[in-house]
Amino acid sequence: MIKSIPLSQATRLLNHGPTTIITASHAGKRNIMAAAWACALDFKPPKVTVVIDSKTYTRELMEAEGTFAINLPCVKQIEMVKKVGNSSGRDFPDTDKFAEYGIETFAAQEISAPLVKDCVAWLECRIIPEPHNQQTYDLFIAEVVAAHADERVFSDGRWHFEGHDDLRTIHHIAGGVFFATGQEC
């Protein structure tokens, strides 16, 4: 059910402000974290921004590898999102959060970071180095080099969640509270 998306439509996957899961890997190590501050930036080539705190293990891997993935989780994954958002990969020196929480992944096409199974969209990203923004604001700018979506809820360049309530994207509104994407108006 996963379909590659034309890069001209890639930023539409983030255009509705969902909570995201960031994955990264480098030198055989990998990590996963929740991130609410991700945004579409440009269309051609597609670019995105994401804020990743300087203390995170995911950021360490992102900077070392120069790539990362943005995974868009859905309602049925809320417990996983909370777990990966409230723990550090450094807390699992002999394993990782994927193994610890039973998170299944599949290989990306263009980058080394794993993609999280059962999400509804995935953006494979290559970092555009901007040291000032990264160090001062924890802000990363990246070019989307591949994009994919679950065709049950994204096709023809738009989201359509009707009939798939468990696949609605989630949105963090502070204090560990989330809501699901509502109905189209």
C-alpha atoms as a PDB file:
ATOM      1  CA  MET A   1       0.000   0.000   0.000  1.00  0.00           C
ATOM      2  CA  ILE A   2       3.040   2.274   0.089  1.00  0.00           C
ATOM      3  CA  LYS A   3       3.366   4.367  -3.009  1.00  0.00           C
ATOM      4  CA  SER A   4       6.218   6.635  -4.048  1.00  0.00           C
ATOM      5  CA  ILE A   5       5.107  10.246  -4.293  1.00  0.00           C
ATOM      6  CA  PRO A   6       6.370  12.666  -6.948  1.00  0.00           C
ATOM      7  CA  LEU A   7       8.826  15.045  -5.324  1.00  0.00           C
ATOM      8  CA  SER A   8       6.650  17.923  -6.557  1.00  0.00           C
ATOM      9  CA  GLN A   9       4.054  16.753  -3.984  1.00  0.00           C
ATOM     10  CA  ALA A  10       6.451  15.863  -1.151  1.00  0.00           C
ATOM     11  CA  THR A  11       5.901  18.984   0.950  1.00  0.00           C
ATOM     12  CA  ARG A  12       2.134  18.343   0.927  1.00  0.00           C
ATOM     13  CA  LEU A  13       2.807  15.428   3.267  1.00  0.00           C
ATOM     14  CA  LEU A  14       3.806  17.907   6.023  1.00  0.00           C
ATOM     15  CA  ASN A  15       1.485  20.742   5.079  1.00  0.00           C
ATOM     16  CA  HIS A  16      -1.072  19.909   7.783  1.00  0.00           C
ATOM     17  CA  GLY A  17       1.328  20.122  10.746  1.00  0.00           C
ATOM     18  CA  PRO A  18       1.439  16.551  12.114  1.00  0.00           C
ATOM     19  CA  THR A  19       3.622  15.195  14.878  1.00  0.00           C
ATOM     20  CA  THR A  20       6.509  13.362  13.274  1.00  0.00           C
ATOM     21  CA  ILE A  21       8.906  10.587  14.118  1.00  0.00           C
ATOM     22  CA  ILE A  22      12.509  11.298  13.163  1.00  0.00           C
ATOM     23  CA  THR A  23      14.807   8.367  12.442  1.00  0.00           C
ATOM     24  CA  ALA A  24      18.536   8.493  11.843  1.00  0.00           C
ATOM     25  CA  SER A  25      21.445   6.096  11.595  1.00  0.00           C
ATOM     26  CA  HIS A  26      25.210   6.202  11.338  1.00  0.00           C
ATOM     27  CA  ALA A  27      27.963   3.605  11.554  1.00  0.00           C
ATOM     28  CA  GLY A  28      25.605   0.791  12.555  1.00  0.00           C
ATOM     29  CA  LYS A  29      23.785   2.823  15.223  1.00  0.00           C
ATOM     30  CA  ARG A  30      20.208   4.031  14.818  1.00  0.00           C
ATOM     31  CA  ASN A  31      17.678   6.012  16.793  1.00  0.00           C
ATOM     32  CA  ILE A  32      14.113   7.262  16.737  1.00  0.00           C
ATOM     33  CA  MET A  33      12.444  10.250  18.400  1.00  0.00           C
ATOM     34  CA  ALA A  34       9.205  12.216  18.265  1.00  0.00           C
ATOM     35  CA  ALA A  35       9.330  15.767  16.904  1.00  0.00           C
ATOM     36  CA  ALA A  36       6.458  18.217  16.627  1.00  0.00           C
ATOM     37  CA  TRP A  37       8.336  21.084  14.955  1.00  0.00           C
ATOM     38  CA  ALA A  38       8.631  19.981  11.334  1.00  0.00           C
ATOM     39  CA  CYS A  39       7.546  22.165   8.453  1.00  0.00           C
ATOM     40  CA  ALA A  40       7.500  22.302   4.668  1.00  0.00           C
ATOM     41  CA  LEU A  41       9.832  25.034   3.404  1.00  0.00           C
ATOM     42  CA  ASP A  42      10.069  24.953  -0.389  1.00  0.00           C
ATOM     43  CA  PHE A  43       8.593  23.159  -3.396  1.00  0.00           C
ATOM     44  CA  LYS A  44      11.251  22.681  -6.064  1.00  0.00           C
ATOM     45  CA  PRO A  45      13.362  21.025  -4.979  1.00  0.00           C
ATOM     46  CA  PRO A  46      11.237  20.112  -1.970  1.00  0.00           C
ATOM     47  CA  LYS A  47      12.746  21.247   1.312  1.00  0.00           C
ATOM     48  CA  VAL A  48      11.674  20.871   4.919  1.00  0.00           C
ATOM     49  CA  THR A  49      12.776  22.162   8.296  1.00  0.00           C
ATOM     50  CA  VAL A  50      12.859  20.344  11.601  1.00  0.00           C
ATOM     51  CA  VAL A  51      13.961  21.466  15.060  1.00  0.00           C
ATOM     52  CA  ILE A  52      16.068  18.849  16.867  1.00  0.00           C
ATOM     53  CA  ASP A  53      17.520  19.664  20.285  1.00  0.00           C
ATOM     54  CA  SER A  54      21.305  19.615  20.496  1.00  0.00           C
ATOM     55  CA  LYS A  55      21.275  17.090  23.347  1.00  0.00           C
ATOM     56  CA  THR A  56      19.473  14.313  21.460  1.00  0.00           C
ATOM     57  CA  TYR A  57      21.089  11.125  20.282  1.00  0.00           C
ATOM     58  CA  THR A  58      19.100  11.336  17.043  1.00  0.00           C
ATOM     59  CA  ARG A  59      20.728  14.681  16.252  1.00  0.00           C
ATOM     60  CA  GLU A  60      24.175  13.204  16.843  1.00  0.00           C
ATOM     61  CA  LEU A  61      23.435  10.514  14.254  1.00  0.00           C
ATOM     62  CA  MET A  62      21.826  12.993  11.830  1.00  0.00           C
ATOM     63  CA  GLU A  63      24.836  15.297  11.881  1.00  0.00           C
ATOM     64  CA  ALA A  64      27.288  12.430  11.480  1.00  0.00           C
ATOM     65  CA  GLU A  65      25.426  10.877   8.528  1.00  0.00           C
ATOM     66  CA  GLY A  66      24.023  14.025   6.898  1.00  0.00           C
ATOM     67  CA  THR A  67      20.600  12.430   6.416  1.00  0.00           C
ATOM     68  CA  PHE A  68      17.456  11.536   8.358  1.00  0.00           C
ATOM     69  CA  ALA A  69      13.882  10.436   7.777  1.00  0.00           C
ATOM     70  CA  ILE A  70      10.625  12.073   8.741  1.00  0.00           C
ATOM     71  CA  ASN A  71       7.958   9.440   9.425  1.00  0.00           C
ATOM     72  CA  LEU A  72       4.316  10.490   9.906  1.00  0.00           C
ATOM     73  CA  PRO A  73       2.711   8.287  12.569  1.00  0.00           C
ATOM     74  CA  CYS A  74      -1.016   7.782  12.921  1.00  0.00           C
ATOM     75  CA  VAL A  75      -3.606   7.280  15.667  1.00  0.00           C
ATOM     76  CA  LYS A  76      -2.925   3.553  16.014  1.00  0.00           C
ATOM     77  CA  GLN A  77       0.726   4.382  16.843  1.00  0.00           C
ATOM     78  CA  ILE A  78       0.128   6.905  19.645  1.00  0.00           C
ATOM     79  CA  GLU A  79       1.614   4.713  22.385  1.00  0.00           C
ATOM     80  CA  MET A  80       4.780   4.163  20.339  1.00  0.00           C
ATOM     81  CA  VAL A  81       5.051   7.928  19.734  1.00  0.00           C
ATOM     82  CA  LYS A  82       4.796   8.615  23.462  1.00  0.00           C
ATOM     83  CA  LYS A  83       7.428   5.984  24.281  1.00  0.00           C
ATOM     84  CA  VAL A  84      10.009   7.189  21.750  1.00  0.00           C
ATOM     85  CA  GLY A  85       9.277  10.801  22.669  1.00  0.00           C
ATOM     86  CA  ASN A  86       9.867  10.232  26.372  1.00  0.00           C
ATOM     87  CA  SER A  87      13.084   8.231  26.263  1.00  0.00           C
ATOM     88  CA  SER A  88      16.598   8.645  24.941  1.00  0.00           C
ATOM     89  CA  GLY A  89      18.445   6.230  22.718  1.00  0.00           C
ATOM     90  CA  ARG A  90      21.368   6.684  25.103  1.00  0.00           C
ATOM     91  CA  ASP A  91      19.271   4.861  27.740  1.00  0.00           C
ATOM     92  CA  PHE A  92      19.715   1.604  25.787  1.00  0.00           C
ATOM     93  CA  PRO A  93      23.474   1.063  25.413  1.00  0.00           C
ATOM     94  CA  ASP A  94      23.161  -2.624  24.506  1.00  0.00           C
ATOM     95  CA  THR A  95      20.203  -2.286  22.145  1.00  0.00           C
ATOM     96  CA  ASP A  96      18.085   0.558  20.729  1.00  0.00           C
ATOM     97  CA  LYS A  97      14.553   1.947  20.978  1.00  0.00           C
ATOM     98  CA  PHE A  98      13.468  -0.021  17.911  1.00  0.00           C
ATOM     99  CA  ALA A  99      14.293  -3.336  19.591  1.00  0.00           C
ATOM    100  CA  GLU A 100      13.236  -2.194  23.065  1.00  0.00           C
ATOM    101  CA  TYR A 101       9.759  -1.126  21.903  1.00  0.00           C
ATOM    102  CA  GLY A 102       9.269  -3.678  19.103  1.00  0.00           C
ATOM    103  CA  ILE A 103       9.191  -1.052  16.345  1.00  0.00           C
ATOM    104  CA  GLU A 104       9.274  -2.577  12.886  1.00  0.00           C
ATOM    105  CA  THR A 105      11.085  -0.786  10.080  1.00  0.00           C
ATOM    106  CA  PHE A 106      11.879  -1.103   6.406  1.00  0.00           C
ATOM    107  CA  ALA A 107      14.719   0.232   4.279  1.00  0.00           C
ATOM    108  CA  ALA A 108      14.648   3.691   2.762  1.00  0.00           C
ATOM    109  CA  GLN A 109      15.462   4.110  -0.926  1.00  0.00           C
ATOM    110  CA  GLU A 110      17.978   6.968  -0.764  1.00  0.00           C
ATOM    111  CA  ILE A 111      19.284   7.207   2.808  1.00  0.00           C
ATOM    112  CA  SER A 112      20.530   4.909   5.575  1.00  0.00           C
ATOM    113  CA  ALA A 113      17.926   5.803   8.223  1.00  0.00           C
ATOM    114  CA  PRO A 114      15.222   3.178   8.689  1.00  0.00           C
ATOM    115  CA  LEU A 115      11.587   3.996   7.915  1.00  0.00           C
ATOM    116  CA  VAL A 116       8.952   3.086  10.508  1.00  0.00           C
ATOM    117  CA  LYS A 117       6.408   0.512   9.380  1.00  0.00           C
ATOM    118  CA  ASP A 118       2.707   1.403   9.673  1.00  0.00           C
ATOM    119  CA  CYS A 119       3.217   5.165   9.466  1.00  0.00           C
ATOM    120  CA  VAL A 120       1.184   6.937   6.771  1.00  0.00           C
ATOM    121  CA  ALA A 121       3.990   8.878   5.067  1.00  0.00           C
ATOM    122  CA  TRP A 122       7.775   9.024   4.922  1.00  0.00           C
ATOM    123  CA  LEU A 123      10.211  11.700   3.758  1.00  0.00           C
ATOM    124  CA  GLU A 124      13.834  10.774   3.144  1.00  0.00           C
ATOM    125  CA  CYS A 125      15.918  13.882   3.792  1.00  0.00           C
ATOM    126  CA  ARG A 126      19.454  15.086   3.073  1.00  0.00           C
ATOM    127  CA  ILE A 127      20.673  17.873   5.362  1.00  0.00           C
ATOM    128  CA  ILE A 128      21.617  21.181   3.755  1.00  0.00           C
ATOM    129  CA  PRO A 129      24.414  22.289   6.083  1.00  0.00           C
ATOM    130  CA  GLU A 130      23.572  25.562   7.817  1.00  0.00           C
ATOM    131  CA  PRO A 131      25.855  25.534  10.897  1.00  0.00           C
ATOM    132  CA  HIS A 132      24.580  28.850  12.266  1.00  0.00           C
ATOM    133  CA  ASN A 133      20.918  27.750  12.199  1.00  0.00           C
ATOM    134  CA  GLN A 134      21.770  24.305  13.563  1.00  0.00           C
ATOM    135  CA  GLN A 135      23.877  25.593  16.458  1.00  0.00           C
ATOM    136  CA  THR A 136      21.873  28.703  17.328  1.00  0.00           C
ATOM    137  CA  TYR A 137      18.297  27.537  16.753  1.00  0.00           C
ATOM    138  CA  ASP A 138      18.574  23.711  16.563  1.00  0.00           C
ATOM    139  CA  LEU A 139      17.008  24.181  13.108  1.00  0.00           C
ATOM    140  CA  PHE A 140      17.820  21.801  10.286  1.00  0.00           C
ATOM    141  CA  ILE A 141      17.014  22.487   6.660  1.00  0.00           C
ATOM    142  CA  ALA A 142      16.890  19.451   4.417  1.00  0.00           C
ATOM    143  CA  GLU A 143      16.111  18.531   0.848  1.00  0.00           C
ATOM    144  CA  VAL A 144      13.595  15.736   0.406  1.00  0.00           C
ATOM    145  CA  VAL A 145      15.256  13.118  -1.806  1.00  0.00           C
ATOM    146  CA  ALA A 146      12.414  10.560  -1.731  1.00  0.00           C
ATOM    147  CA  ALA A 147       8.832  10.603  -0.467  1.00  0.00           C
ATOM    148  CA  HIS A 148       6.281   7.851   0.104  1.00  0.00           C
ATOM    149  CA  ALA A 149       2.732   7.635   1.438  1.00  0.00           C
ATOM    150  CA  ASP A 150       0.058   5.104   2.260  1.00  0.00           C
ATOM    151  CA  GLU A 151      -2.216   5.372  -0.760  1.00  0.00           C
ATOM    152  CA  ARG A 152      -5.267   4.580   1.372  1.00  0.00           C
ATOM    153  CA  VAL A 153      -5.010   8.083   2.887  1.00  0.00           C
ATOM    154  CA  PHE A 154      -2.849  10.094   0.445  1.00  0.00           C
ATOM    155  CA  SER A 155      -3.281  10.097  -3.312  1.00  0.00           C
ATOM    156  CA  ASP A 156      -3.474  12.586  -6.150  1.00  0.00           C
ATOM    157  CA  GLY A 157      -1.489  15.031  -4.032  1.00  0.00           C
ATOM    158  CA  ARG A 158      -3.891  15.240  -1.105  1.00  0.00           C
ATOM    159  CA  TRP A 159      -4.839  13.647   2.200  1.00  0.00           C
ATOM    160  CA  HIS A 160      -8.183  11.834   2.524  1.00  0.00           C
ATOM    161  CA  PHE A 161      -8.701  10.070   5.858  1.00  0.00           C
ATOM    162  CA  GLU A 162     -12.412   9.291   5.471  1.00  0.00           C
ATOM    163  CA  GLY A 163     -13.086   5.687   6.465  1.00  0.00           C
ATOM    164  CA  HIS A 164      -9.622   5.280   8.000  1.00  0.00           C
ATOM    165  CA  ASP A 165      -9.859   6.784  11.483  1.00  0.00           C
ATOM    166  CA  ASP A 166      -6.953   4.678  12.793  1.00  0.00           C
ATOM    167  CA  LEU A 167      -4.731   6.128  10.033  1.00  0.00           C
ATOM    168  CA  ARG A 168      -5.382   9.797  10.838  1.00  0.00           C
ATOM    169  CA  THR A 169      -2.225  11.726  11.641  1.00  0.00           C
ATOM    170  CA  ILE A 170      -1.709  12.978  15.174  1.00  0.00           C
ATOM    171  CA  HIS A 171      -0.895  16.460  16.441  1.00  0.00           C
ATOM    172  CA  HIS A 172       0.805  17.334  19.716  1.00  0.00           C
ATOM    173  CA  ILE A 173      -0.824  20.265  21.474  1.00  0.00           C
ATOM    174  CA  ALA A 174       1.451  20.360  24.588  1.00  0.00           C
ATOM    175  CA  GLY A 175       1.743  18.532  27.882  1.00  0.00           C
ATOM    176  CA  GLY A 176       1.648  15.083  26.296  1.00  0.00           C
ATOM    177  CA  VAL A 177      -1.799  15.697  24.768  1.00  0.00           C
ATOM    178  CA  PHE A 178      -2.509  14.852  21.129  1.00  0.00           C
ATOM    179  CA  PHE A 179      -5.456  15.155  18.783  1.00  0.00           C
ATOM    180  CA  ALA A 180      -6.159  13.399  15.501  1.00  0.00           C
ATOM    181  CA  THR A 181      -6.614  15.127  12.173  1.00  0.00           C
ATOM    182  CA  GLY A 182     -10.287  16.000  11.804  1.00  0.00           C
ATOM    183  CA  GLN A 183     -12.676  15.955   8.911  1.00  0.00           C
ATOM    184  CA  GLU A 184     -12.206  17.919   5.755  1.00  0.00           C
ATOM    185  CA  CYS A 185     -14.301  21.101   5.642  1.00  0.00           C
END
